[in-house]
Amino acid sequence: MFRVTAEAAQGTVAFDIEGDRKLVLGLEDNGVDILHRCGGNAKCTTCRVEILAGDPGEIGEVEKAILATKTDLNDHTRLSCQVRVMDDLHVKVIRQASVEGMDAGGRPTE
């Protein structure tokens, strides 16, 4: 088990998560209404988070390519639908359904 601490609009949320689980699912299952408009397929970038501490693992080519289309990101930005938790993480959730007044999107698959 790993510990995730997430800074979100409603405050800081901390929870334990099994290794190799998608970060986006851990966030959603623990009360963070993170956007994931494409259903976890690395196409929309709405589930992005900023990694403040911890190792999110290697970035894949699909994720790298879609993030390269955005200009307002930093080197610590990742798509939570593409991060398989393998370390304790401290993240900042960038986009939330409650803040943006929209439906979160279809639940990503495990």
Protein backbone atom coordinates (compact mmCIF):
# COMPACT_ATOMS: atom_id res chain seq x y z
CA MET A 1 0.00 0.00 0.00
CA PHE A 2 1.06 3.54 -0.74
CA ARG A 3 -0.07 6.87 0.67
CA VAL A 4 -1.42 9.58 -1.61
CA THR A 5 -1.89 13.13 -0.38
CA ALA A 6 -3.92 15.28 -2.75
CA GLU A 7 -4.38 19.02 -2.60
CA ALA A 8 -7.85 19.67 -4.00
CA ALA A 9 -10.46 22.43 -4.00
CA GLN A 10 -12.10 20.99 -0.87
CA GLY A 11 -8.79 20.84 0.98
CA THR A 12 -6.16 18.17 1.44
CA VAL A 13 -7.25 14.56 1.12
CA ALA A 14 -4.97 11.66 2.14
CA PHE A 15 -5.63 8.00 1.47
CA ASP A 16 -3.96 4.63 1.04
CA ILE A 17 -3.96 2.94 -2.35
CA GLU A 18 -2.84 -0.44 -3.62
CA GLY A 19 0.21 -0.52 -5.84
CA ASP A 20 -0.31 -0.49 -9.62
CA ARG A 21 -3.76 1.12 -9.30
CA LYS A 22 -4.56 4.13 -11.49
CA LEU A 23 -4.18 7.37 -9.56
CA VAL A 24 -7.38 8.81 -11.07
CA LEU A 25 -9.44 5.97 -9.58
CA GLY A 26 -7.88 6.38 -6.15
CA LEU A 27 -8.65 10.09 -6.23
CA GLU A 28 -12.24 9.57 -7.32
CA ASP A 29 -12.85 6.74 -4.85
CA ASN A 30 -11.66 8.98 -2.03
CA GLY A 31 -13.93 11.93 -2.70
CA VAL A 32 -11.91 14.02 -5.14
CA ASP A 33 -14.17 14.93 -8.08
CA ILE A 34 -11.36 15.00 -10.62
CA LEU A 35 -12.29 15.49 -14.25
CA HIS A 36 -11.63 12.60 -16.65
CA ARG A 37 -13.65 13.52 -19.73
CA CYS A 38 -12.15 10.88 -22.07
CA GLY A 39 -12.65 8.00 -19.65
CA GLY A 40 -8.98 7.52 -18.87
CA ASN A 41 -7.63 7.17 -22.41
CA ALA A 42 -4.98 9.95 -22.35
CA LYS A 43 -6.83 12.00 -24.95
CA CYS A 44 -8.30 15.01 -23.12
CA THR A 45 -5.80 16.00 -20.37
CA THR A 46 -8.58 16.97 -17.95
CA CYS A 47 -7.30 14.58 -15.25
CA ARG A 48 -3.92 16.22 -14.98
CA VAL A 49 -2.19 16.61 -11.66
CA GLU A 50 1.03 18.24 -10.56
CA ILE A 51 3.37 15.83 -8.81
CA LEU A 52 4.69 17.65 -5.75
CA ALA A 53 6.57 14.68 -4.25
CA GLY A 54 7.08 11.00 -4.95
CA ASP A 55 7.81 8.93 -8.05
CA PRO A 56 4.89 8.65 -10.50
CA GLY A 57 6.85 6.29 -12.74
CA GLU A 58 7.98 6.69 -16.32
CA ILE A 59 5.84 8.73 -18.67
CA GLY A 60 4.60 6.77 -21.67
CA GLU A 61 4.76 7.97 -25.26
CA VAL A 62 0.97 8.50 -25.56
CA GLU A 63 0.88 10.63 -22.41
CA LYS A 64 3.99 12.55 -23.42
CA ALA A 65 2.52 13.31 -26.85
CA ILE A 66 -0.80 14.66 -25.55
CA LEU A 67 0.86 16.76 -22.83
CA ALA A 68 3.14 18.26 -25.49
CA THR A 69 0.04 19.84 -27.09
CA LYS A 70 -0.48 22.03 -24.00
CA THR A 71 1.54 25.17 -23.27
CA ASP A 72 0.49 25.90 -19.68
CA LEU A 73 2.08 22.84 -18.02
CA ASN A 74 5.29 22.26 -16.11
CA ASP A 75 7.69 19.32 -15.98
CA HIS A 76 5.82 17.83 -13.02
CA THR A 77 2.44 17.60 -14.75
CA ARG A 78 1.07 14.11 -15.35
CA LEU A 79 -2.23 12.57 -16.36
CA SER A 80 -3.67 10.78 -13.34
CA CYS A 81 -5.29 8.22 -15.66
CA GLN A 82 -1.83 7.16 -16.82
CA VAL A 83 -0.08 7.07 -13.44
CA ARG A 84 -0.02 3.63 -11.86
CA VAL A 85 0.82 4.26 -8.22
CA MET A 86 4.15 2.70 -7.22
CA ASP A 87 5.29 5.13 -4.51
CA ASP A 88 3.88 7.50 -1.92
CA LEU A 89 2.69 10.59 -3.82
CA HIS A 90 1.81 14.18 -2.99
CA VAL A 91 -0.17 15.74 -5.82
CA LYS A 92 -2.08 18.90 -6.65
CA VAL A 93 -5.33 18.25 -8.53
CA ILE A 94 -5.54 20.77 -11.34
CA ARG A 95 -9.12 20.37 -12.62
CA GLN A 96 -12.22 19.33 -10.68
CA ALA A 97 -15.82 18.90 -11.77
CA SER A 98 -17.19 20.92 -8.85
CA VAL A 99 -14.95 23.88 -9.62
CA GLU A 100 -15.63 23.87 -13.35
CA GLY A 101 -19.37 23.12 -13.06
CA MET A 102 -19.34 20.09 -15.32
CA ASP A 103 -19.80 16.35 -15.18
CA ALA A 104 -16.57 14.51 -14.36
CA GLY A 105 -16.91 12.15 -17.35
CA GLY A 106 -17.14 8.37 -17.66
CA ARG A 107 -15.29 6.39 -15.02
CA PRO A 108 -11.93 5.22 -16.29
CA THR A 109 -11.34 1.49 -16.42
CA GLU A 110 -8.94 -0.16 -14.03
